[in-house]
Amino acid sequence: MQPGHGRLPDLVAALWDLTRHRSVHLHSAWIHPAARLTYTIRAAAGSGITTALWQGLNLTHGIWLTISAVVVIQPRRVDTWAKGMNRVVGTLIGAAVATVCAAVMPANALTVGFAVALTILLCWGSGRLRDPMPLAALTTVLVFTFDRQKHALAAGFWRCVEIIAGLAIGLALTAIPFPGE
C-alpha cells in the first residue's frame, strides 16, 4: 500500500470506474425520505381511485386501470412522466400487435411467442422504448390470449383505454406538488 492511499480511496476509485465504464448510476439507488413518502401517498391514492373506478363501473378487466397507475408512478416525478409517455406508446404497440394477431391466427405457443417477439422488435425499432417493453409484451399476451374470442378489435381497444386511463390517473397524481419537490 502506498503512503496516503488506503482501502477507502481504492474502493471509491473502483466504484467511480464502475459507474463510468458500466453505466451504473449509484446516485439513483438513494431516494430522499420525503420522496419515499410522496411516492407512497401517490401510489396508494392511485390504487384506491382506480380500484373504485373500475369496481364502480363494473369493468370486466378494469384491474388494468389500477395496475397501470401503480406501475407508472415513480418516486421521482421526472421518472413518472418519462415512464408514462413511453408506457402509452408501448401499450398502443402491444395492443395493436395482439389485435392483429388475434384477428388472423389462433393463440398457441408459437403464435404468442411470435406476437411477443414482434412487439419487442417494434419497441426497439422506435428507438426509445426500452423500459416499457416487458409491459408492452404483457399487453400483447393478455389481449391475444384472454380477449381473443370474437371481438379482437374491441378487446384491444378496451385494454388500451383501461391502461391509458390508469396511466393518466397516475400522471395526474404526479402533477400534484408536495412540499419539498
N, C-alpha and C. Protein backbone atom coordinates (compact mmCIF):
# COMPACT_ATOMS: atom_id res chain seq x y z
N MET A 1 0.85 -1.17 0.00
CA MET A 1 0.00 0.00 0.00
C MET A 1 0.90 1.23 0.00
N GLN A 2 0.59 2.19 -0.87
CA GLN A 2 1.38 3.41 -0.95
C GLN A 2 0.99 4.35 0.18
N PRO A 3 1.92 5.20 0.59
CA PRO A 3 1.58 6.17 1.63
C PRO A 3 0.46 7.09 1.14
N GLY A 4 -0.47 7.37 2.01
CA GLY A 4 -1.58 8.27 1.67
C GLY A 4 -2.72 7.57 0.94
N HIS A 5 -2.55 6.32 0.61
CA HIS A 5 -3.61 5.59 -0.08
C HIS A 5 -4.06 4.46 0.83
N GLY A 6 -5.33 4.36 1.02
CA GLY A 6 -5.86 3.30 1.86
C GLY A 6 -6.94 2.54 1.10
N ARG A 7 -7.58 1.69 1.81
CA ARG A 7 -8.61 0.88 1.18
C ARG A 7 -9.82 1.72 0.75
N LEU A 8 -10.20 2.71 1.54
CA LEU A 8 -11.36 3.53 1.19
C LEU A 8 -11.15 4.28 -0.12
N PRO A 9 -10.02 4.98 -0.32
CA PRO A 9 -9.82 5.64 -1.62
C PRO A 9 -9.79 4.64 -2.78
N ASP A 10 -9.24 3.46 -2.55
CA ASP A 10 -9.23 2.44 -3.61
C ASP A 10 -10.66 2.00 -3.94
N LEU A 11 -11.47 1.84 -2.91
CA LEU A 11 -12.86 1.46 -3.11
C LEU A 11 -13.60 2.55 -3.87
N VAL A 12 -13.40 3.81 -3.48
CA VAL A 12 -14.05 4.92 -4.17
C VAL A 12 -13.61 4.96 -5.63
N ALA A 13 -12.32 4.79 -5.87
CA ALA A 13 -11.82 4.79 -7.25
C ALA A 13 -12.42 3.64 -8.05
N ALA A 14 -12.53 2.47 -7.44
CA ALA A 14 -13.12 1.33 -8.14
C ALA A 14 -14.59 1.57 -8.46
N LEU A 15 -15.32 2.14 -7.51
CA LEU A 15 -16.72 2.46 -7.75
C LEU A 15 -16.87 3.51 -8.84
N TRP A 16 -15.99 4.50 -8.83
CA TRP A 16 -16.02 5.53 -9.87
C TRP A 16 -15.80 4.91 -11.25
N ASP A 17 -14.82 4.01 -11.35
CA ASP A 17 -14.57 3.33 -12.61
C ASP A 17 -15.78 2.50 -13.04
N LEU A 18 -16.40 1.84 -12.09
CA LEU A 18 -17.57 1.05 -12.39
C LEU A 18 -18.69 1.91 -12.95
N THR A 19 -18.94 3.06 -12.34
CA THR A 19 -20.03 3.93 -12.81
C THR A 19 -19.71 4.53 -14.17
N ARG A 20 -18.45 4.83 -14.43
CA ARG A 20 -18.08 5.43 -15.71
C ARG A 20 -18.09 4.42 -16.83
N HIS A 21 -17.65 3.21 -16.57
CA HIS A 21 -17.47 2.24 -17.64
C HIS A 21 -18.64 1.28 -17.81
N ARG A 22 -19.43 1.14 -16.83
CA ARG A 22 -20.52 0.16 -16.92
C ARG A 22 -21.89 0.82 -16.85
N SER A 23 -21.95 2.12 -16.87
CA SER A 23 -23.20 2.87 -16.84
C SER A 23 -24.05 2.56 -15.62
N VAL A 24 -23.43 2.30 -14.50
CA VAL A 24 -24.16 2.08 -13.26
C VAL A 24 -24.30 3.43 -12.58
N HIS A 25 -25.48 3.75 -12.15
CA HIS A 25 -25.72 5.04 -11.51
C HIS A 25 -26.03 4.81 -10.03
N LEU A 26 -25.02 4.97 -9.21
CA LEU A 26 -25.19 4.72 -7.79
C LEU A 26 -26.11 5.74 -7.15
N HIS A 27 -26.13 6.98 -7.68
CA HIS A 27 -26.97 8.01 -7.08
C HIS A 27 -28.45 7.69 -7.22
N SER A 28 -28.84 6.89 -8.19
CA SER A 28 -30.25 6.60 -8.39
C SER A 28 -30.79 5.63 -7.33
N ALA A 29 -29.91 4.94 -6.63
CA ALA A 29 -30.36 4.00 -5.61
C ALA A 29 -30.84 4.72 -4.35
N TRP A 30 -30.36 5.95 -4.13
CA TRP A 30 -30.74 6.68 -2.94
C TRP A 30 -31.92 7.58 -3.24
N ILE A 31 -32.97 7.44 -2.47
CA ILE A 31 -34.17 8.26 -2.65
C ILE A 31 -34.44 8.95 -1.32
N HIS A 32 -34.58 10.25 -1.38
CA HIS A 32 -34.83 11.08 -0.20
C HIS A 32 -36.08 10.58 0.54
N PRO A 33 -36.07 10.59 1.87
CA PRO A 33 -37.23 10.13 2.63
C PRO A 33 -38.53 10.85 2.26
N ALA A 34 -38.46 12.14 1.95
CA ALA A 34 -39.67 12.86 1.55
C ALA A 34 -40.22 12.31 0.23
N ALA A 35 -39.32 11.95 -0.69
CA ALA A 35 -39.75 11.37 -1.96
C ALA A 35 -40.39 10.00 -1.74
N ARG A 36 -39.88 9.26 -0.77
CA ARG A 36 -40.48 7.96 -0.44
C ARG A 36 -41.91 8.13 0.07
N LEU A 37 -42.10 9.14 0.92
CA LEU A 37 -43.43 9.38 1.46
C LEU A 37 -44.39 9.83 0.37
N THR A 38 -43.98 10.77 -0.48
CA THR A 38 -44.88 11.23 -1.54
C THR A 38 -45.18 10.11 -2.53
N TYR A 39 -44.19 9.26 -2.80
CA TYR A 39 -44.42 8.11 -3.67
C TYR A 39 -45.46 7.19 -3.07
N THR A 40 -45.32 6.91 -1.79
CA THR A 40 -46.27 6.04 -1.09
C THR A 40 -47.68 6.60 -1.14
N ILE A 41 -47.81 7.89 -0.89
CA ILE A 41 -49.13 8.54 -0.92
C ILE A 41 -49.72 8.48 -2.33
N ARG A 42 -48.91 8.81 -3.33
CA ARG A 42 -49.41 8.78 -4.72
C ARG A 42 -49.81 7.38 -5.15
N ALA A 43 -48.98 6.39 -4.86
CA ALA A 43 -49.29 5.02 -5.26
C ALA A 43 -50.55 4.51 -4.55
N ALA A 44 -50.68 4.82 -3.27
CA ALA A 44 -51.88 4.41 -2.52
C ALA A 44 -53.12 5.11 -3.07
N ALA A 45 -53.02 6.41 -3.31
CA ALA A 45 -54.17 7.15 -3.87
C ALA A 45 -54.51 6.63 -5.25
N GLY A 46 -53.49 6.38 -6.08
CA GLY A 46 -53.73 5.86 -7.43
C GLY A 46 -54.41 4.52 -7.42
N SER A 47 -53.96 3.63 -6.54
CA SER A 47 -54.58 2.30 -6.49
C SER A 47 -56.00 2.38 -5.95
N GLY A 48 -56.23 3.24 -4.96
CA GLY A 48 -57.58 3.38 -4.41
C GLY A 48 -58.56 4.00 -5.40
N ILE A 49 -58.15 5.07 -6.05
CA ILE A 49 -59.01 5.76 -7.02
C ILE A 49 -59.34 4.85 -8.20
N THR A 50 -58.33 4.19 -8.75
CA THR A 50 -58.59 3.35 -9.92
C THR A 50 -59.40 2.10 -9.57
N THR A 51 -59.18 1.55 -8.40
CA THR A 51 -59.99 0.38 -7.99
C THR A 51 -61.44 0.79 -7.80
N ALA A 52 -61.68 1.93 -7.16
CA ALA A 52 -63.06 2.42 -7.01
C ALA A 52 -63.70 2.66 -8.37
N LEU A 53 -62.92 3.17 -9.30
CA LEU A 53 -63.44 3.46 -10.64
C LEU A 53 -63.83 2.18 -11.38
N TRP A 54 -62.94 1.21 -11.43
CA TRP A 54 -63.29 0.01 -12.20
C TRP A 54 -64.34 -0.84 -11.52
N GLN A 55 -64.35 -0.84 -10.18
CA GLN A 55 -65.40 -1.58 -9.49
C GLN A 55 -66.74 -0.87 -9.63
N GLY A 56 -66.71 0.46 -9.53
CA GLY A 56 -67.95 1.24 -9.68
C GLY A 56 -68.55 1.15 -11.06
N LEU A 57 -67.69 1.08 -12.09
CA LEU A 57 -68.17 0.96 -13.46
C LEU A 57 -68.36 -0.49 -13.88
N ASN A 58 -68.03 -1.42 -12.97
CA ASN A 58 -68.18 -2.86 -13.22
C ASN A 58 -67.46 -3.29 -14.50
N LEU A 59 -66.20 -2.86 -14.64
CA LEU A 59 -65.40 -3.21 -15.81
C LEU A 59 -64.84 -4.62 -15.64
N THR A 60 -65.00 -5.44 -16.66
CA THR A 60 -64.56 -6.83 -16.60
C THR A 60 -63.05 -6.94 -16.36
N HIS A 61 -62.27 -6.15 -17.07
CA HIS A 61 -60.81 -6.20 -16.94
C HIS A 61 -60.27 -4.88 -16.38
N GLY A 62 -61.06 -4.22 -15.57
CA GLY A 62 -60.69 -2.91 -15.05
C GLY A 62 -59.48 -2.90 -14.14
N ILE A 63 -59.04 -4.07 -13.71
CA ILE A 63 -57.84 -4.13 -12.88
C ILE A 63 -56.67 -3.47 -13.58
N TRP A 64 -56.71 -3.38 -14.92
CA TRP A 64 -55.62 -2.74 -15.67
C TRP A 64 -55.53 -1.26 -15.39
N LEU A 65 -56.62 -0.65 -14.97
CA LEU A 65 -56.56 0.74 -14.51
C LEU A 65 -55.60 0.84 -13.32
N THR A 66 -55.81 -0.02 -12.35
CA THR A 66 -55.01 0.00 -11.13
C THR A 66 -53.56 -0.40 -11.39
N ILE A 67 -53.37 -1.46 -12.11
CA ILE A 67 -52.01 -1.91 -12.41
C ILE A 67 -51.24 -0.81 -13.12
N SER A 68 -51.86 -0.18 -14.10
CA SER A 68 -51.18 0.87 -14.87
C SER A 68 -50.85 2.09 -14.03
N ALA A 69 -51.77 2.49 -13.16
CA ALA A 69 -51.50 3.64 -12.30
C ALA A 69 -50.33 3.36 -11.36
N VAL A 70 -50.33 2.18 -10.76
CA VAL A 70 -49.27 1.83 -9.80
C VAL A 70 -47.92 1.67 -10.52
N VAL A 71 -47.92 1.07 -11.69
CA VAL A 71 -46.68 0.86 -12.43
C VAL A 71 -46.06 2.18 -12.88
N VAL A 72 -46.88 3.14 -13.27
CA VAL A 72 -46.33 4.38 -13.82
C VAL A 72 -45.80 5.33 -12.74
N ILE A 73 -46.39 5.33 -11.56
CA ILE A 73 -45.96 6.24 -10.50
C ILE A 73 -44.59 5.81 -9.98
N GLN A 74 -43.65 6.75 -9.98
CA GLN A 74 -42.28 6.50 -9.55
C GLN A 74 -41.93 7.46 -8.41
N PRO A 75 -40.91 7.13 -7.61
CA PRO A 75 -40.52 8.02 -6.51
C PRO A 75 -40.10 9.41 -6.99
N ARG A 76 -39.52 9.52 -8.16
CA ARG A 76 -39.12 10.82 -8.71
C ARG A 76 -40.11 11.23 -9.78
N ARG A 77 -40.64 12.45 -9.67
CA ARG A 77 -41.66 12.92 -10.61
C ARG A 77 -41.20 12.85 -12.06
N VAL A 78 -39.98 13.24 -12.32
CA VAL A 78 -39.48 13.24 -13.69
C VAL A 78 -39.47 11.82 -14.27
N ASP A 79 -39.19 10.83 -13.45
CA ASP A 79 -39.21 9.44 -13.90
C ASP A 79 -40.64 8.99 -14.24
N THR A 80 -41.62 9.49 -13.48
CA THR A 80 -43.01 9.14 -13.74
C THR A 80 -43.44 9.67 -15.10
N TRP A 81 -43.12 10.91 -15.39
CA TRP A 81 -43.52 11.49 -16.69
C TRP A 81 -42.90 10.72 -17.84
N ALA A 82 -41.61 10.42 -17.74
CA ALA A 82 -40.92 9.70 -18.81
C ALA A 82 -41.51 8.30 -18.98
N LYS A 83 -41.71 7.61 -17.87
CA LYS A 83 -42.26 6.25 -17.93
C LYS A 83 -43.69 6.27 -18.48
N GLY A 84 -44.46 7.25 -18.07
CA GLY A 84 -45.85 7.33 -18.52
C GLY A 84 -45.99 7.51 -20.01
N MET A 85 -45.21 8.42 -20.57
CA MET A 85 -45.29 8.66 -22.01
C MET A 85 -44.82 7.44 -22.80
N ASN A 86 -43.75 6.82 -22.35
CA ASN A 86 -43.27 5.61 -23.02
C ASN A 86 -44.25 4.46 -22.87
N ARG A 87 -44.89 4.38 -21.72
CA ARG A 87 -45.85 3.29 -21.48
C ARG A 87 -47.06 3.41 -22.39
N VAL A 88 -47.50 4.64 -22.65
CA VAL A 88 -48.64 4.83 -23.57
C VAL A 88 -48.28 4.27 -24.94
N VAL A 89 -47.11 4.63 -25.45
CA VAL A 89 -46.70 4.15 -26.76
C VAL A 89 -46.52 2.64 -26.74
N GLY A 90 -45.90 2.11 -25.70
CA GLY A 90 -45.73 0.67 -25.59
C GLY A 90 -47.06 -0.07 -25.53
N THR A 91 -48.01 0.48 -24.82
CA THR A 91 -49.35 -0.12 -24.74
C THR A 91 -50.01 -0.15 -26.11
N LEU A 92 -49.92 0.95 -26.83
CA LEU A 92 -50.52 1.00 -28.16
C LEU A 92 -49.88 -0.03 -29.09
N ILE A 93 -48.55 -0.15 -29.02
CA ILE A 93 -47.86 -1.15 -29.84
C ILE A 93 -48.30 -2.56 -29.45
N GLY A 94 -48.28 -2.87 -28.16
CA GLY A 94 -48.67 -4.20 -27.70
C GLY A 94 -50.10 -4.56 -28.04
N ALA A 95 -51.01 -3.64 -27.84
CA ALA A 95 -52.42 -3.91 -28.14
C ALA A 95 -52.64 -4.04 -29.64
N ALA A 96 -51.96 -3.21 -30.44
CA ALA A 96 -52.12 -3.28 -31.89
C ALA A 96 -51.62 -4.61 -32.43
N VAL A 97 -50.45 -5.04 -31.97
CA VAL A 97 -49.90 -6.33 -32.42
C VAL A 97 -50.84 -7.46 -32.02
N ALA A 98 -51.30 -7.45 -30.78
CA ALA A 98 -52.18 -8.51 -30.30
C ALA A 98 -53.51 -8.52 -31.04
N THR A 99 -54.05 -7.35 -31.32
CA THR A 99 -55.33 -7.27 -32.03
C THR A 99 -55.21 -7.85 -33.43
N VAL A 100 -54.16 -7.47 -34.13
CA VAL A 100 -53.94 -8.01 -35.48
C VAL A 100 -53.73 -9.52 -35.43
N CYS A 101 -52.88 -9.96 -34.52
CA CYS A 101 -52.61 -11.39 -34.40
C CYS A 101 -53.87 -12.18 -34.04
N ALA A 102 -54.66 -11.66 -33.11
CA ALA A 102 -55.88 -12.35 -32.69
C ALA A 102 -56.89 -12.43 -33.83
N ALA A 103 -56.85 -11.47 -34.72
CA ALA A 103 -57.79 -11.46 -35.83
C ALA A 103 -57.41 -12.45 -36.93
N VAL A 104 -56.11 -12.80 -37.01
CA VAL A 104 -55.69 -13.62 -38.16
C VAL A 104 -55.11 -14.98 -37.81
N MET A 105 -54.86 -15.27 -36.53
CA MET A 105 -54.26 -16.57 -36.21
C MET A 105 -54.71 -17.03 -34.82
N PRO A 106 -54.69 -18.35 -34.62
CA PRO A 106 -55.06 -18.87 -33.30
C PRO A 106 -53.95 -18.60 -32.28
N ALA A 107 -54.35 -18.54 -31.03
CA ALA A 107 -53.36 -18.35 -29.96
C ALA A 107 -52.81 -19.70 -29.54
N ASN A 108 -51.53 -19.91 -29.78
CA ASN A 108 -50.85 -21.11 -29.31
C ASN A 108 -49.42 -20.71 -28.97
N ALA A 109 -48.62 -21.66 -28.54
CA ALA A 109 -47.26 -21.33 -28.08
C ALA A 109 -46.45 -20.61 -29.15
N LEU A 110 -46.56 -21.04 -30.38
CA LEU A 110 -45.78 -20.44 -31.46
C LEU A 110 -46.27 -19.03 -31.80
N THR A 111 -47.57 -18.86 -31.92
CA THR A 111 -48.10 -17.54 -32.32
C THR A 111 -47.98 -16.51 -31.21
N VAL A 112 -48.13 -16.92 -29.95
CA VAL A 112 -47.95 -15.98 -28.84
C VAL A 112 -46.49 -15.55 -28.78
N GLY A 113 -45.58 -16.50 -28.93
CA GLY A 113 -44.15 -16.16 -28.98
C GLY A 113 -43.85 -15.20 -30.13
N PHE A 114 -44.44 -15.45 -31.29
CA PHE A 114 -44.26 -14.57 -32.44
C PHE A 114 -44.78 -13.17 -32.14
N ALA A 115 -45.96 -13.08 -31.54
CA ALA A 115 -46.57 -11.77 -31.23
C ALA A 115 -45.71 -10.99 -30.23
N VAL A 116 -45.19 -11.67 -29.22
CA VAL A 116 -44.32 -11.00 -28.24
C VAL A 116 -43.03 -10.54 -28.92
N ALA A 117 -42.43 -11.39 -29.75
CA ALA A 117 -41.21 -11.01 -30.47
C ALA A 117 -41.47 -9.79 -31.35
N LEU A 118 -42.57 -9.78 -32.06
CA LEU A 118 -42.91 -8.64 -32.92
C LEU A 118 -43.09 -7.37 -32.10
N THR A 119 -43.77 -7.48 -30.96
CA THR A 119 -43.96 -6.33 -30.07
C THR A 119 -42.62 -5.76 -29.61
N ILE A 120 -41.74 -6.64 -29.16
CA ILE A 120 -40.43 -6.19 -28.68
C ILE A 120 -39.63 -5.55 -29.81
N LEU A 121 -39.65 -6.16 -30.99
CA LEU A 121 -38.92 -5.60 -32.12
C LEU A 121 -39.46 -4.22 -32.50
N LEU A 122 -40.76 -4.04 -32.44
CA LEU A 122 -41.34 -2.73 -32.74
C LEU A 122 -40.96 -1.70 -31.67
N CYS A 123 -40.93 -2.12 -30.42
CA CYS A 123 -40.48 -1.21 -29.35
C CYS A 123 -39.02 -0.82 -29.57
N TRP A 124 -38.17 -1.80 -29.86
CA TRP A 124 -36.76 -1.50 -30.14
C TRP A 124 -36.65 -0.59 -31.36
N GLY A 125 -37.45 -0.88 -32.37
CA GLY A 125 -37.40 -0.11 -33.61
C GLY A 125 -37.80 1.34 -33.43
N SER A 126 -38.58 1.63 -32.40
CA SER A 126 -38.98 3.01 -32.16
C SER A 126 -37.79 3.86 -31.72
N GLY A 127 -36.75 3.19 -31.23
CA GLY A 127 -35.54 3.90 -30.83
C GLY A 127 -35.54 4.44 -29.42
N ARG A 128 -36.66 4.40 -28.72
CA ARG A 128 -36.66 4.95 -27.37
C ARG A 128 -37.49 4.16 -26.37
N LEU A 129 -38.05 3.05 -26.76
CA LEU A 129 -38.93 2.30 -25.86
C LEU A 129 -38.25 1.05 -25.31
N ARG A 130 -37.42 1.21 -24.31
CA ARG A 130 -36.80 0.05 -23.70
C ARG A 130 -37.47 -0.30 -22.37
N ASP A 131 -37.74 0.68 -21.57
CA ASP A 131 -38.32 0.44 -20.26
C ASP A 131 -39.70 -0.21 -20.33
N PRO A 132 -40.61 0.22 -21.21
CA PRO A 132 -41.94 -0.39 -21.20
C PRO A 132 -42.05 -1.68 -21.99
N MET A 133 -40.95 -2.18 -22.53
CA MET A 133 -41.04 -3.40 -23.33
C MET A 133 -41.69 -4.58 -22.61
N PRO A 134 -41.31 -4.89 -21.37
CA PRO A 134 -41.97 -6.02 -20.71
C PRO A 134 -43.48 -5.80 -20.57
N LEU A 135 -43.90 -4.59 -20.27
CA LEU A 135 -45.33 -4.33 -20.12
C LEU A 135 -46.03 -4.30 -21.47
N ALA A 136 -45.36 -3.83 -22.52
CA ALA A 136 -45.93 -3.89 -23.86
C ALA A 136 -46.11 -5.35 -24.27
N ALA A 137 -45.12 -6.19 -23.97
CA ALA A 137 -45.22 -7.62 -24.28
C ALA A 137 -46.33 -8.27 -23.46
N LEU A 138 -46.47 -7.87 -22.20
CA LEU A 138 -47.56 -8.38 -21.37
C LEU A 138 -48.92 -7.98 -21.95
N THR A 139 -49.04 -6.75 -22.40
CA THR A 139 -50.29 -6.31 -23.05
C THR A 139 -50.59 -7.20 -24.25
N THR A 140 -49.57 -7.50 -25.03
CA THR A 140 -49.74 -8.38 -26.20
C THR A 140 -50.27 -9.74 -25.78
N VAL A 141 -49.65 -10.33 -24.77
CA VAL A 141 -50.07 -11.66 -24.32
C VAL A 141 -51.51 -11.64 -23.82
N LEU A 142 -51.84 -10.64 -23.00
CA LEU A 142 -53.19 -10.59 -22.43
C LEU A 142 -54.26 -10.39 -23.49
N VAL A 143 -54.05 -9.44 -24.37
CA VAL A 143 -55.06 -9.17 -25.40
C VAL A 143 -55.16 -10.37 -26.35
N PHE A 144 -54.03 -10.93 -26.72
CA PHE A 144 -54.01 -12.04 -27.68
C PHE A 144 -54.62 -13.31 -27.10
N THR A 145 -54.35 -13.63 -25.86
CA THR A 145 -54.80 -14.90 -25.30
C THR A 145 -56.13 -14.82 -24.56
N PHE A 146 -56.33 -13.80 -23.72
CA PHE A 146 -57.55 -13.74 -22.92
C PHE A 146 -58.72 -13.12 -23.67
N ASP A 147 -58.45 -12.16 -24.51
CA ASP A 147 -59.54 -11.40 -25.12
C ASP A 147 -59.76 -11.72 -26.59
N ARG A 148 -59.28 -12.81 -27.06
CA ARG A 148 -59.26 -13.03 -28.49
C ARG A 148 -60.53 -13.68 -29.06
N GLN A 149 -61.45 -14.07 -28.25
CA GLN A 149 -62.58 -14.87 -28.72
C GLN A 149 -63.23 -14.30 -29.99
N LYS A 150 -64.18 -13.42 -29.89
CA LYS A 150 -64.92 -12.96 -31.06
C LYS A 150 -64.58 -11.54 -31.47
N HIS A 151 -64.20 -10.75 -30.52
CA HIS A 151 -64.10 -9.31 -30.78
C HIS A 151 -62.69 -8.80 -30.51
N ALA A 152 -61.74 -9.21 -31.33
CA ALA A 152 -60.34 -8.84 -31.10
C ALA A 152 -60.14 -7.33 -31.13
N LEU A 153 -60.78 -6.65 -32.06
CA LEU A 153 -60.60 -5.20 -32.17
C LEU A 153 -61.17 -4.48 -30.95
N ALA A 154 -62.35 -4.88 -30.52
CA ALA A 154 -62.96 -4.25 -29.34
C ALA A 154 -62.13 -4.55 -28.09
N ALA A 155 -61.65 -5.78 -27.97
CA ALA A 155 -60.85 -6.14 -26.79
C ALA A 155 -59.57 -5.33 -26.75
N GLY A 156 -58.89 -5.22 -27.88
CA GLY A 156 -57.67 -4.42 -27.94
C GLY A 156 -57.93 -2.96 -27.60
N PHE A 157 -59.04 -2.44 -28.11
CA PHE A 157 -59.40 -1.05 -27.83
C PHE A 157 -59.64 -0.84 -26.34
N TRP A 158 -60.42 -1.72 -25.71
CA TRP A 158 -60.74 -1.53 -24.29
C TRP A 158 -59.54 -1.74 -23.38
N ARG A 159 -58.62 -2.66 -23.73
CA ARG A 159 -57.40 -2.78 -22.92
C ARG A 159 -56.59 -1.49 -23.01
N CYS A 160 -56.52 -0.90 -24.21
CA CYS A 160 -55.81 0.37 -24.36
C CYS A 160 -56.46 1.46 -23.52
N VAL A 161 -57.78 1.54 -23.56
CA VAL A 161 -58.50 2.56 -22.79
C VAL A 161 -58.23 2.38 -21.30
N GLU A 162 -58.33 1.14 -20.81
CA GLU A 162 -58.10 0.89 -19.38
C GLU A 162 -56.68 1.22 -18.97
N ILE A 163 -55.71 0.79 -19.76
CA ILE A 163 -54.31 1.02 -19.41
C ILE A 163 -53.98 2.51 -19.47
N ILE A 164 -54.40 3.17 -20.54
CA ILE A 164 -54.09 4.60 -20.69
C ILE A 164 -54.83 5.43 -19.65
N ALA A 165 -56.05 5.04 -19.28
CA ALA A 165 -56.76 5.76 -18.22
C ALA A 165 -56.03 5.60 -16.88
N GLY A 166 -55.54 4.41 -16.59
CA GLY A 166 -54.76 4.20 -15.37
C GLY A 166 -53.49 5.04 -15.37
N LEU A 167 -52.82 5.09 -16.53
CA LEU A 167 -51.63 5.92 -16.65
C LEU A 167 -51.97 7.39 -16.44
N ALA A 168 -53.07 7.82 -17.02
CA ALA A 168 -53.48 9.22 -16.89
C ALA A 168 -53.74 9.59 -15.43
N ILE A 169 -54.37 8.69 -14.70
CA ILE A 169 -54.62 8.94 -13.28
C ILE A 169 -53.30 9.01 -12.51
N GLY A 170 -52.39 8.09 -12.80
CA GLY A 170 -51.07 8.12 -12.16
C GLY A 170 -50.32 9.41 -12.48
N LEU A 171 -50.38 9.83 -13.73
CA LEU A 171 -49.71 11.07 -14.13
C LEU A 171 -50.37 12.30 -13.49
N ALA A 172 -51.69 12.28 -13.39
CA ALA A 172 -52.39 13.39 -12.75
C ALA A 172 -52.00 13.51 -11.28
N LEU A 173 -51.89 12.38 -10.60
CA LEU A 173 -51.47 12.39 -9.20
C LEU A 173 -50.04 12.91 -9.06
N THR A 174 -49.22 12.61 -10.04
CA THR A 174 -47.84 13.10 -10.01
C THR A 174 -47.77 14.60 -10.24
N ALA A 175 -48.74 15.14 -10.93
CA ALA A 175 -48.75 16.59 -11.20
C ALA A 175 -49.06 17.40 -9.94
N ILE A 176 -49.65 16.77 -8.94
CA ILE A 176 -49.96 17.46 -7.68
C ILE A 176 -48.66 17.62 -6.91
N PRO A 177 -48.24 18.87 -6.67
CA PRO A 177 -46.96 19.06 -5.99
C PRO A 177 -47.08 18.81 -4.48
N PHE A 178 -46.03 18.27 -3.93
CA PHE A 178 -45.91 18.07 -2.49
C PHE A 178 -44.83 19.01 -1.99
N PRO A 179 -44.88 19.40 -0.72
CA PRO A 179 -43.81 20.25 -0.18
C PRO A 179 -42.45 19.57 -0.35
N GLY A 180 -41.47 20.33 -0.73
CA GLY A 180 -40.11 19.83 -0.89
C GLY A 180 -39.80 19.29 -2.26
N GLU A 181 -40.77 19.30 -3.16
CA GLU A 181 -40.50 18.79 -4.52
C GLU A 181 -40.08 19.92 -5.42
